[in-house]
Amino acid sequence: MRICSIGECMIELSNIEHNIFRQNFAGDTANSAIYLSRLGAKSSYISSTGKDFLSKKMLKFLNDEKVKTHNIFMNINKTLGLYLIQNNKNGERNFFYWRSNSAAKTLLKNVNSKVLFKQISKYDAIYFSGITLSIYDQKSNEKFYKILKSLKDKNIKIYFDFNVRLNNWKSKTIALQTIIKFSRIADIIFMTKDDLNNLGLRNYKSIIKSNYNKKIAVLRSSNGEVSVYNKDNFQNYKLHLNKKVKDTTGCGDAFNACFLYNYFNNKNIKDCIKFSHELGKTVAKFKGAIIPKQNFNPKLYVI
């Protein structure tokens, strides 16, 4: 499986103990790119970064994870965004962002469409998210949409995660219109009930049926229920959650990566859900989005 993910990899500060934070690098699509690589995919990341010490350190981090970085473009006037995680006693997380000078936001302003299309067209699939769309301005998103349409004409698979963070958008209306527009051209769509609620969408099954005919839509809820819309039918799964959770950061990103990798190689939806959930549960046992390599055994998550 050759797949490229597009978005923003940031400096991550995760709360290890009271007022003690650990620095790492993470970001929703970057997390998925890393887990895809660990599972066995030929994974690449597309973004923009600065030329400073931390930008170089982030590139090394991705390379060490065998995520190809040759599609990451440099902006000498910008740097990386930063986010901080605060967890409550149940492991649920709150994010605080500093990304006004983020190089990733400038990618589509500075890279020629033909160059970007040529790079992505070498892969079997592209993966991006609502967060990816939220960091770009309207003109950049229009440019990105045209690229995706051209990729679809070449039968390159498009995978999309709603991942709604309303604080990143100018308004809920713009977020809703943009996310629905882009999700309609995707082959596999991931979403949570929280995503849909944040956009003001309540009738979940009706929304999915009306927008994703002949596609696969995966809907997760916080209580372990997963519904998969495939071939005009819903398949429902009830999964067991961890009794104790340290940090839910990155669980959904790992789930998506595992689902995509297994589905690409084996179309058994039930098994895809099973293994994806197991990886998500493992990620929840650790602080931060990316678990240590020594605690990751790909054999446990591959069909």
C-alpha atoms as a PDB file:
ATOM      1  CA  MET A   1       0.000   0.000   0.000  1.00  0.00           C
ATOM      2  CA  ARG A   2       1.429   3.374  -1.061  1.00  0.00           C
ATOM      3  CA  ILE A   3      -0.331   6.219   0.717  1.00  0.00           C
ATOM      4  CA  CYS A   4       0.391   9.882   1.326  1.00  0.00           C
ATOM      5  CA  SER A   5      -1.186  11.905   4.118  1.00  0.00           C
ATOM      6  CA  ILE A   6      -1.497  15.671   4.007  1.00  0.00           C
ATOM      7  CA  GLY A   7      -1.832  18.164   6.841  1.00  0.00           C
ATOM      8  CA  GLU A   8       0.192  19.533   9.725  1.00  0.00           C
ATOM      9  CA  CYS A   9       2.691  17.841  12.031  1.00  0.00           C
ATOM     10  CA  MET A  10       3.131  19.960  15.160  1.00  0.00           C
ATOM     11  CA  ILE A  11       5.226  20.191  18.281  1.00  0.00           C
ATOM     12  CA  GLU A  12       3.321  18.231  20.931  1.00  0.00           C
ATOM     13  CA  LEU A  13       3.548  18.897  24.677  1.00  0.00           C
ATOM     14  CA  SER A  14       1.827  16.116  26.632  1.00  0.00           C
ATOM     15  CA  ASN A  15       1.123  16.408  30.364  1.00  0.00           C
ATOM     16  CA  ILE A  16       3.091  13.570  31.989  1.00  0.00           C
ATOM     17  CA  GLU A  17       2.677  14.720  35.582  1.00  0.00           C
ATOM     18  CA  HIS A  18       1.459  17.871  37.293  1.00  0.00           C
ATOM     19  CA  ASN A  19       3.192  20.759  35.479  1.00  0.00           C
ATOM     20  CA  ILE A  20       5.600  18.339  33.755  1.00  0.00           C
ATOM     21  CA  PHE A  21       5.297  18.025  29.973  1.00  0.00           C
ATOM     22  CA  ARG A  22       7.024  15.824  27.396  1.00  0.00           C
ATOM     23  CA  GLN A  23       7.876  17.192  23.954  1.00  0.00           C
ATOM     24  CA  ASN A  24       7.151  15.142  20.861  1.00  0.00           C
ATOM     25  CA  PHE A  25       5.766  15.681  17.353  1.00  0.00           C
ATOM     26  CA  ALA A  26       2.223  14.841  16.298  1.00  0.00           C
ATOM     27  CA  GLY A  27      -0.864  15.961  14.375  1.00  0.00           C
ATOM     28  CA  ASP A  28      -3.894  13.976  13.255  1.00  0.00           C
ATOM     29  CA  THR A  29      -2.849  13.032   9.716  1.00  0.00           C
ATOM     30  CA  ALA A  30       0.813  12.767  10.737  1.00  0.00           C
ATOM     31  CA  ASN A  31      -0.187  10.302  13.471  1.00  0.00           C
ATOM     32  CA  SER A  32      -2.031   8.188  10.913  1.00  0.00           C
ATOM     33  CA  ALA A  33       0.956   8.365   8.555  1.00  0.00           C
ATOM     34  CA  ILE A  34       3.204   7.031  11.313  1.00  0.00           C
ATOM     35  CA  TYR A  35       0.871   4.184  12.278  1.00  0.00           C
ATOM     36  CA  LEU A  36       0.386   3.291   8.605  1.00  0.00           C
ATOM     37  CA  SER A  37       4.155   3.027   8.280  1.00  0.00           C
ATOM     38  CA  ARG A  38       4.460   0.895  11.400  1.00  0.00           C
ATOM     39  CA  LEU A  39       1.778  -1.454  10.065  1.00  0.00           C
ATOM     40  CA  GLY A  40       3.696  -1.944   6.818  1.00  0.00           C
ATOM     41  CA  ALA A  41       2.451   0.688   4.369  1.00  0.00           C
ATOM     42  CA  LYS A  42       4.750   2.786   2.197  1.00  0.00           C
ATOM     43  CA  SER A  43       3.753   6.000   3.914  1.00  0.00           C
ATOM     44  CA  SER A  44       4.571   9.559   2.915  1.00  0.00           C
ATOM     45  CA  TYR A  45       3.695  12.937   4.396  1.00  0.00           C
ATOM     46  CA  ILE A  46       2.905  16.150   2.536  1.00  0.00           C
ATOM     47  CA  SER A  47       3.170  19.445   4.370  1.00  0.00           C
ATOM     48  CA  SER A  48       5.303  22.540   4.745  1.00  0.00           C
ATOM     49  CA  THR A  49       7.826  23.284   7.471  1.00  0.00           C
ATOM     50  CA  GLY A  50      10.383  25.871   8.485  1.00  0.00           C
ATOM     51  CA  LYS A  51      14.171  25.738   8.374  1.00  0.00           C
ATOM     52  CA  ASP A  52      14.721  26.013  12.137  1.00  0.00           C
ATOM     53  CA  PHE A  53      16.060  23.422  14.572  1.00  0.00           C
ATOM     54  CA  LEU A  54      12.670  22.031  15.592  1.00  0.00           C
ATOM     55  CA  SER A  55      11.535  21.725  11.966  1.00  0.00           C
ATOM     56  CA  LYS A  56      14.640  19.681  11.179  1.00  0.00           C
ATOM     57  CA  LYS A  57      14.069  17.602  14.294  1.00  0.00           C
ATOM     58  CA  MET A  58      10.499  16.876  13.191  1.00  0.00           C
ATOM     59  CA  LEU A  59      11.680  15.734   9.747  1.00  0.00           C
ATOM     60  CA  LYS A  60      14.159  13.378  11.410  1.00  0.00           C
ATOM     61  CA  PHE A  61      11.372  12.071  13.650  1.00  0.00           C
ATOM     62  CA  LEU A  62       9.222  11.211  10.626  1.00  0.00           C
ATOM     63  CA  ASN A  63      12.178   9.669   8.776  1.00  0.00           C
ATOM     64  CA  ASP A  64      12.969   7.516  11.804  1.00  0.00           C
ATOM     65  CA  GLU A  65       9.383   6.250  11.549  1.00  0.00           C
ATOM     66  CA  LYS A  66      10.039   5.426   7.862  1.00  0.00           C
ATOM     67  CA  VAL A  67       7.564   8.074   6.736  1.00  0.00           C
ATOM     68  CA  LYS A  68       8.874   9.643   3.534  1.00  0.00           C
ATOM     69  CA  THR A  69       9.397  13.415   3.841  1.00  0.00           C
ATOM     70  CA  HIS A  70      10.538  14.337   0.317  1.00  0.00           C
ATOM     71  CA  ASN A  71       7.082  15.872  -0.281  1.00  0.00           C
ATOM     72  CA  ILE A  72       7.465  18.287   2.631  1.00  0.00           C
ATOM     73  CA  PHE A  73       8.203  21.776   1.313  1.00  0.00           C
ATOM     74  CA  MET A  74      10.254  24.380   3.160  1.00  0.00           C
ATOM     75  CA  ASN A  75       9.126  27.906   4.037  1.00  0.00           C
ATOM     76  CA  ILE A  76      12.093  29.794   5.477  1.00  0.00           C
ATOM     77  CA  ASN A  77       9.842  32.486   6.972  1.00  0.00           C
ATOM     78  CA  LYS A  78       7.643  30.128   9.000  1.00  0.00           C
ATOM     79  CA  THR A  79       7.984  27.389  11.605  1.00  0.00           C
ATOM     80  CA  LEU A  80       5.987  24.582  13.251  1.00  0.00           C
ATOM     81  CA  GLY A  81       2.736  24.966  15.112  1.00  0.00           C
ATOM     82  CA  LEU A  82       2.546  23.814  18.727  1.00  0.00           C
ATOM     83  CA  TYR A  83      -0.178  22.222  20.831  1.00  0.00           C
ATOM     84  CA  LEU A  84      -0.467  21.241  24.457  1.00  0.00           C
ATOM     85  CA  ILE A  85      -2.541  18.375  25.883  1.00  0.00           C
ATOM     86  CA  GLN A  86      -4.275  18.501  29.250  1.00  0.00           C
ATOM     87  CA  ASN A  87      -6.018  15.274  30.302  1.00  0.00           C
ATOM     88  CA  ASN A  88      -8.824  14.880  32.817  1.00  0.00           C
ATOM     89  CA  LYS A  89      -9.028  11.922  35.194  1.00  0.00           C
ATOM     90  CA  ASN A  90     -10.790   9.822  32.539  1.00  0.00           C
ATOM     91  CA  GLY A  91      -8.036  10.373  29.989  1.00  0.00           C
ATOM     92  CA  GLU A  92     -10.129  12.693  27.804  1.00  0.00           C
ATOM     93  CA  ARG A  93      -8.060  15.539  26.421  1.00  0.00           C
ATOM     94  CA  ASN A  94      -8.262  19.269  25.940  1.00  0.00           C
ATOM     95  CA  PHE A  95      -6.023  20.894  23.341  1.00  0.00           C
ATOM     96  CA  PHE A  96      -4.429  24.328  23.411  1.00  0.00           C
ATOM     97  CA  TYR A  97      -2.916  25.553  20.129  1.00  0.00           C
ATOM     98  CA  TRP A  98      -0.222  28.039  19.019  1.00  0.00           C
ATOM     99  CA  ARG A  99      -0.088  27.911  15.222  1.00  0.00           C
ATOM    100  CA  SER A 100      -0.307  31.498  13.889  1.00  0.00           C
ATOM    101  CA  ASN A 101       3.159  31.207  12.300  1.00  0.00           C
ATOM    102  CA  SER A 102       2.680  27.641  11.055  1.00  0.00           C
ATOM    103  CA  ALA A 103       4.397  26.810   7.770  1.00  0.00           C
ATOM    104  CA  ALA A 104       1.849  24.060   7.054  1.00  0.00           C
ATOM    105  CA  LYS A 105      -0.876  26.666   6.530  1.00  0.00           C
ATOM    106  CA  THR A 106       1.065  28.083   3.557  1.00  0.00           C
ATOM    107  CA  LEU A 107       1.564  24.836   1.613  1.00  0.00           C
ATOM    108  CA  LEU A 108      -1.066  25.365  -1.068  1.00  0.00           C
ATOM    109  CA  LYS A 109      -0.169  29.040  -1.412  1.00  0.00           C
ATOM    110  CA  ASN A 110       3.431  28.257  -2.286  1.00  0.00           C
ATOM    111  CA  VAL A 111       3.332  24.955  -4.162  1.00  0.00           C
ATOM    112  CA  ASN A 112       2.254  24.719  -7.780  1.00  0.00           C
ATOM    113  CA  SER A 113      -0.864  22.556  -8.358  1.00  0.00           C
ATOM    114  CA  LYS A 114       0.828  20.567 -11.112  1.00  0.00           C
ATOM    115  CA  VAL A 115       3.785  19.797  -8.850  1.00  0.00           C
ATOM    116  CA  LEU A 116       1.525  18.649  -6.017  1.00  0.00           C
ATOM    117  CA  PHE A 117      -0.651  16.569  -8.350  1.00  0.00           C
ATOM    118  CA  LYS A 118       2.433  14.894  -9.816  1.00  0.00           C
ATOM    119  CA  GLN A 119       3.705  14.004  -6.351  1.00  0.00           C
ATOM    120  CA  ILE A 120       0.396  12.583  -5.081  1.00  0.00           C
ATOM    121  CA  SER A 121      -0.422  10.705  -8.296  1.00  0.00           C
ATOM    122  CA  LYS A 122       2.441   8.298  -7.558  1.00  0.00           C
ATOM    123  CA  TYR A 123       0.457   6.809  -4.658  1.00  0.00           C
ATOM    124  CA  ASP A 124      -2.474   4.419  -4.347  1.00  0.00           C
ATOM    125  CA  ALA A 125      -4.307   6.745  -1.969  1.00  0.00           C
ATOM    126  CA  ILE A 126      -4.362  10.113  -0.230  1.00  0.00           C
ATOM    127  CA  TYR A 127      -5.530  10.703   3.337  1.00  0.00           C
ATOM    128  CA  PHE A 128      -6.535  14.048   4.836  1.00  0.00           C
ATOM    129  CA  SER A 129      -8.930  15.471   7.410  1.00  0.00           C
ATOM    130  CA  GLY A 130     -11.175  18.313   8.429  1.00  0.00           C
ATOM    131  CA  ILE A 131      -8.221  19.712  10.369  1.00  0.00           C
ATOM    132  CA  THR A 132      -6.198  19.716   7.140  1.00  0.00           C
ATOM    133  CA  LEU A 133      -8.926  21.795   5.481  1.00  0.00           C
ATOM    134  CA  SER A 134      -9.279  24.101   8.488  1.00  0.00           C
ATOM    135  CA  ILE A 135      -5.691  25.385   8.291  1.00  0.00           C
ATOM    136  CA  TYR A 136      -6.041  26.479   4.646  1.00  0.00           C
ATOM    137  CA  ASP A 137      -7.816  29.596   3.408  1.00  0.00           C
ATOM    138  CA  GLN A 138     -10.694  29.376   0.912  1.00  0.00           C
ATOM    139  CA  LYS A 139      -8.501  29.875  -2.148  1.00  0.00           C
ATOM    140  CA  SER A 140      -6.149  27.111  -1.023  1.00  0.00           C
ATOM    141  CA  ASN A 141      -9.045  24.729  -0.406  1.00  0.00           C
ATOM    142  CA  GLU A 142     -10.443  25.422  -3.872  1.00  0.00           C
ATOM    143  CA  LYS A 143      -7.022  24.580  -5.297  1.00  0.00           C
ATOM    144  CA  PHE A 144      -6.841  21.410  -3.202  1.00  0.00           C
ATOM    145  CA  TYR A 145     -10.326  20.319  -4.292  1.00  0.00           C
ATOM    146  CA  LYS A 146      -9.386  20.575  -7.981  1.00  0.00           C
ATOM    147  CA  ILE A 147      -6.288  18.465  -7.310  1.00  0.00           C
ATOM    148  CA  LEU A 148      -8.395  15.819  -5.560  1.00  0.00           C
ATOM    149  CA  LYS A 149     -10.885  15.712  -8.427  1.00  0.00           C
ATOM    150  CA  SER A 150      -8.022  15.128 -10.866  1.00  0.00           C
ATOM    151  CA  LEU A 151      -6.624  12.377  -8.632  1.00  0.00           C
ATOM    152  CA  LYS A 152     -10.026  10.711  -8.503  1.00  0.00           C
ATOM    153  CA  ASP A 153     -10.098  10.673 -12.312  1.00  0.00           C
ATOM    154  CA  LYS A 154      -6.879   8.640 -12.131  1.00  0.00           C
ATOM    155  CA  ASN A 155      -8.552   6.131  -9.751  1.00  0.00           C
ATOM    156  CA  ILE A 156      -6.453   7.160  -6.779  1.00  0.00           C
ATOM    157  CA  LYS A 157      -8.374   6.402  -3.592  1.00  0.00           C
ATOM    158  CA  ILE A 158      -9.369   9.304  -1.363  1.00  0.00           C
ATOM    159  CA  TYR A 159      -9.733   8.796   2.389  1.00  0.00           C
ATOM    160  CA  PHE A 160     -11.142  11.510   4.632  1.00  0.00           C
ATOM    161  CA  ASP A 161     -11.649  11.998   8.376  1.00  0.00           C
ATOM    162  CA  PHE A 162     -14.153  14.673   9.480  1.00  0.00           C
ATOM    163  CA  ASN A 163     -12.100  15.498  12.620  1.00  0.00           C
ATOM    164  CA  VAL A 164     -13.986  18.710  13.389  1.00  0.00           C
ATOM    165  CA  ARG A 165     -12.224  21.413  15.431  1.00  0.00           C
ATOM    166  CA  LEU A 166     -14.555  24.390  15.180  1.00  0.00           C
ATOM    167  CA  ASN A 167     -12.027  26.758  16.791  1.00  0.00           C
ATOM    168  CA  ASN A 168      -9.918  26.438  13.634  1.00  0.00           C
ATOM    169  CA  TRP A 169     -12.746  27.641  11.367  1.00  0.00           C
ATOM    170  CA  LYS A 170     -14.113  31.126  10.766  1.00  0.00           C
ATOM    171  CA  SER A 171     -17.638  29.829  11.315  1.00  0.00           C
ATOM    172  CA  LYS A 172     -19.632  26.642  11.775  1.00  0.00           C
ATOM    173  CA  THR A 173     -21.353  27.299   8.414  1.00  0.00           C
ATOM    174  CA  ILE A 174     -18.033  27.401   6.535  1.00  0.00           C
ATOM    175  CA  ALA A 175     -16.848  24.276   8.351  1.00  0.00           C
ATOM    176  CA  LEU A 176     -20.031  22.373   7.491  1.00  0.00           C
ATOM    177  CA  GLN A 177     -20.070  23.387   3.826  1.00  0.00           C
ATOM    178  CA  THR A 178     -16.373  22.644   3.307  1.00  0.00           C
ATOM    179  CA  ILE A 179     -16.286  19.323   5.149  1.00  0.00           C
ATOM    180  CA  ILE A 180     -19.400  17.958   3.440  1.00  0.00           C
ATOM    181  CA  LYS A 181     -18.135  19.079   0.024  1.00  0.00           C
ATOM    182  CA  PHE A 182     -14.775  17.336   0.413  1.00  0.00           C
ATOM    183  CA  SER A 183     -16.191  14.235   2.097  1.00  0.00           C
ATOM    184  CA  ARG A 184     -18.485  13.573  -0.863  1.00  0.00           C
ATOM    185  CA  ILE A 185     -15.553  12.863  -3.175  1.00  0.00           C
ATOM    186  CA  ALA A 186     -13.903  10.467  -0.712  1.00  0.00           C
ATOM    187  CA  ASP A 187     -14.055   6.673  -1.011  1.00  0.00           C
ATOM    188  CA  ILE A 188     -13.837   6.023   2.731  1.00  0.00           C
ATOM    189  CA  ILE A 189     -15.071   8.564   5.276  1.00  0.00           C
ATOM    190  CA  PHE A 190     -14.430   8.528   9.028  1.00  0.00           C
ATOM    191  CA  MET A 191     -16.504  10.503  11.512  1.00  0.00           C
ATOM    192  CA  THR A 192     -17.609  10.523  15.127  1.00  0.00           C
ATOM    193  CA  LYS A 193     -20.910  11.517  16.652  1.00  0.00           C
ATOM    194  CA  ASP A 194     -19.076  14.437  18.272  1.00  0.00           C
ATOM    195  CA  ASP A 195     -17.960  15.587  14.812  1.00  0.00           C
ATOM    196  CA  LEU A 196     -21.527  15.570  13.533  1.00  0.00           C
ATOM    197  CA  ASN A 197     -22.898  17.224  16.676  1.00  0.00           C
ATOM    198  CA  ASN A 198     -20.299  19.993  16.384  1.00  0.00           C
ATOM    199  CA  LEU A 199     -21.552  20.688  12.859  1.00  0.00           C
ATOM    200  CA  GLY A 200     -25.185  20.689  14.012  1.00  0.00           C
ATOM    201  CA  LEU A 201     -25.996  17.388  12.281  1.00  0.00           C
ATOM    202  CA  ARG A 202     -28.226  15.173  14.432  1.00  0.00           C
ATOM    203  CA  ASN A 203     -29.866  12.593  12.174  1.00  0.00           C
ATOM    204  CA  TYR A 204     -26.695  10.569  11.691  1.00  0.00           C
ATOM    205  CA  LYS A 205     -27.951   7.746   9.497  1.00  0.00           C
ATOM    206  CA  SER A 206     -29.943  10.077   7.269  1.00  0.00           C
ATOM    207  CA  ILE A 207     -26.886  12.298   6.745  1.00  0.00           C
ATOM    208  CA  ILE A 208     -24.738   9.300   5.849  1.00  0.00           C
ATOM    209  CA  LYS A 209     -27.299   7.741   3.490  1.00  0.00           C
ATOM    210  CA  SER A 210     -27.903  10.987   1.614  1.00  0.00           C
ATOM    211  CA  ASN A 211     -24.221  11.845   1.113  1.00  0.00           C
ATOM    212  CA  TYR A 212     -22.260   8.596   0.879  1.00  0.00           C
ATOM    213  CA  ASN A 213     -24.054   6.261  -1.491  1.00  0.00           C
ATOM    214  CA  LYS A 214     -21.673   3.570  -2.823  1.00  0.00           C
ATOM    215  CA  LYS A 215     -18.984   4.641  -0.355  1.00  0.00           C
ATOM    216  CA  ILE A 216     -17.824   3.408   3.038  1.00  0.00           C
ATOM    217  CA  ALA A 217     -18.595   5.608   6.037  1.00  0.00           C
ATOM    218  CA  VAL A 218     -17.342   4.691   9.507  1.00  0.00           C
ATOM    219  CA  LEU A 219     -19.176   6.344  12.408  1.00  0.00           C
ATOM    220  CA  ARG A 220     -17.717   5.991  15.914  1.00  0.00           C
ATOM    221  CA  SER A 221     -19.191   7.040  19.253  1.00  0.00           C
ATOM    222  CA  SER A 222     -17.482   7.518  22.614  1.00  0.00           C
ATOM    223  CA  ASN A 223     -19.256   4.494  24.169  1.00  0.00           C
ATOM    224  CA  GLY A 224     -17.625   1.942  21.861  1.00  0.00           C
ATOM    225  CA  GLU A 225     -20.379   1.729  19.266  1.00  0.00           C
ATOM    226  CA  VAL A 226     -19.277   1.729  15.623  1.00  0.00           C
ATOM    227  CA  SER A 227     -21.571   1.812  12.590  1.00  0.00           C
ATOM    228  CA  VAL A 228     -20.212   1.122   9.122  1.00  0.00           C
ATOM    229  CA  TYR A 229     -22.248   2.132   6.075  1.00  0.00           C
ATOM    230  CA  ASN A 230     -21.289  -0.080   3.169  1.00  0.00           C
ATOM    231  CA  LYS A 231     -23.254  -1.229   0.110  1.00  0.00           C
ATOM    232  CA  ASP A 232     -26.303   0.749   1.222  1.00  0.00           C
ATOM    233  CA  ASN A 233     -26.470  -1.020   4.585  1.00  0.00           C
ATOM    234  CA  PHE A 234     -25.387  -0.262   8.144  1.00  0.00           C
ATOM    235  CA  GLN A 235     -23.342  -2.795  10.067  1.00  0.00           C
ATOM    236  CA  ASN A 236     -23.278  -2.125  13.818  1.00  0.00           C
ATOM    237  CA  TYR A 237     -20.565  -3.171  16.250  1.00  0.00           C
ATOM    238  CA  LYS A 238     -20.382  -2.872  20.036  1.00  0.00           C
ATOM    239  CA  LEU A 239     -16.777  -2.803  21.241  1.00  0.00           C
ATOM    240  CA  HIS A 240     -15.330  -3.053  24.732  1.00  0.00           C
ATOM    241  CA  LEU A 241     -13.441  -0.007  25.992  1.00  0.00           C
ATOM    242  CA  ASN A 242     -10.486   0.169  28.407  1.00  0.00           C
ATOM    243  CA  LYS A 243     -11.533   0.487  32.036  1.00  0.00           C
ATOM    244  CA  LYS A 244      -8.625   2.868  32.605  1.00  0.00           C
ATOM    245  CA  VAL A 245      -7.397   5.354  30.024  1.00  0.00           C
ATOM    246  CA  LYS A 246      -4.335   7.602  30.251  1.00  0.00           C
ATOM    247  CA  ASP A 247      -4.820   9.701  27.119  1.00  0.00           C
ATOM    248  CA  THR A 248      -7.249   9.427  24.192  1.00  0.00           C
ATOM    249  CA  THR A 249      -5.041  11.615  21.962  1.00  0.00           C
ATOM    250  CA  GLY A 250      -4.291   9.838  18.687  1.00  0.00           C
ATOM    251  CA  CYS A 251      -6.682   6.918  19.258  1.00  0.00           C
ATOM    252  CA  GLY A 252      -8.906   7.849  16.319  1.00  0.00           C
ATOM    253  CA  ASP A 253      -5.902   8.492  14.079  1.00  0.00           C
ATOM    254  CA  ALA A 254      -4.499   5.050  14.889  1.00  0.00           C
ATOM    255  CA  PHE A 255      -7.934   3.483  14.364  1.00  0.00           C
ATOM    256  CA  ASN A 256      -8.200   5.072  10.906  1.00  0.00           C
ATOM    257  CA  ALA A 257      -4.694   4.017   9.892  1.00  0.00           C
ATOM    258  CA  CYS A 258      -5.313   0.422  10.941  1.00  0.00           C
ATOM    259  CA  PHE A 259      -8.682   0.289   9.187  1.00  0.00           C
ATOM    260  CA  LEU A 260      -7.266   1.679   5.929  1.00  0.00           C
ATOM    261  CA  TYR A 261      -4.257  -0.624   5.914  1.00  0.00           C
ATOM    262  CA  ASN A 262      -6.288  -3.746   6.610  1.00  0.00           C
ATOM    263  CA  TYR A 263      -9.106  -2.826   4.247  1.00  0.00           C
ATOM    264  CA  PHE A 264      -6.644  -2.171   1.434  1.00  0.00           C
ATOM    265  CA  ASN A 265      -5.260  -5.692   1.869  1.00  0.00           C
ATOM    266  CA  ASN A 266      -8.341  -7.547   3.108  1.00  0.00           C
ATOM    267  CA  LYS A 267     -11.884  -6.281   2.548  1.00  0.00           C
ATOM    268  CA  ASN A 268     -13.355  -7.934   5.659  1.00  0.00           C
ATOM    269  CA  ILE A 269     -15.030  -4.994   7.450  1.00  0.00           C
ATOM    270  CA  LYS A 270     -15.618  -6.884  10.692  1.00  0.00           C
ATOM    271  CA  ASP A 271     -11.944  -7.765  11.056  1.00  0.00           C
ATOM    272  CA  CYS A 272     -10.912  -4.228  10.075  1.00  0.00           C
ATOM    273  CA  ILE A 273     -13.012  -2.841  12.917  1.00  0.00           C
ATOM    274  CA  LYS A 274     -11.733  -5.437  15.390  1.00  0.00           C
ATOM    275  CA  PHE A 275      -8.041  -4.797  14.771  1.00  0.00           C
ATOM    276  CA  SER A 276      -8.461  -1.035  14.492  1.00  0.00           C
ATOM    277  CA  HIS A 277     -10.211  -0.931  17.855  1.00  0.00           C
ATOM    278  CA  GLU A 278      -7.435  -2.977  19.464  1.00  0.00           C
ATOM    279  CA  LEU A 279      -4.818  -0.503  18.249  1.00  0.00           C
ATOM    280  CA  GLY A 280      -6.908   2.433  19.460  1.00  0.00           C
ATOM    281  CA  LYS A 281      -7.186   0.815  22.906  1.00  0.00           C
ATOM    282  CA  THR A 282      -3.412   0.355  23.028  1.00  0.00           C
ATOM    283  CA  VAL A 283      -2.765   4.008  22.144  1.00  0.00           C
ATOM    284  CA  ALA A 284      -5.105   5.083  24.973  1.00  0.00           C
ATOM    285  CA  LYS A 285      -2.796   3.439  27.510  1.00  0.00           C
ATOM    286  CA  PHE A 286      -0.008   5.942  26.819  1.00  0.00           C
ATOM    287  CA  LYS A 287       0.457   9.684  27.046  1.00  0.00           C
ATOM    288  CA  GLY A 288       0.671  11.490  23.735  1.00  0.00           C
ATOM    289  CA  ALA A 289      -0.486  10.540  20.246  1.00  0.00           C
ATOM    290  CA  ILE A 290       2.413   8.254  19.283  1.00  0.00           C
ATOM    291  CA  ILE A 291       3.145   5.273  21.509  1.00  0.00           C
ATOM    292  CA  PRO A 292       6.741   4.052  21.986  1.00  0.00           C
ATOM    293  CA  LYS A 293       7.961   1.691  19.268  1.00  0.00           C
ATOM    294  CA  GLN A 294       8.773  -1.002  21.807  1.00  0.00           C
ATOM    295  CA  ASN A 295       5.093  -1.122  22.781  1.00  0.00           C
ATOM    296  CA  PHE A 296       3.887  -1.511  19.189  1.00  0.00           C
ATOM    297  CA  ASN A 297       3.692  -4.993  17.665  1.00  0.00           C
ATOM    298  CA  PRO A 298       2.260  -4.791  14.124  1.00  0.00           C
ATOM    299  CA  LYS A 299       1.355  -8.489  14.157  1.00  0.00           C
ATOM    300  CA  LEU A 300      -1.348  -7.731  16.734  1.00  0.00           C
ATOM    301  CA  TYR A 301      -3.159  -5.335  14.395  1.00  0.00           C
ATOM    302  CA  VAL A 302      -2.808  -6.811  10.894  1.00  0.00           C
ATOM    303  CA  ILE A 303      -5.336  -9.266   9.469  1.00  0.00           C
END
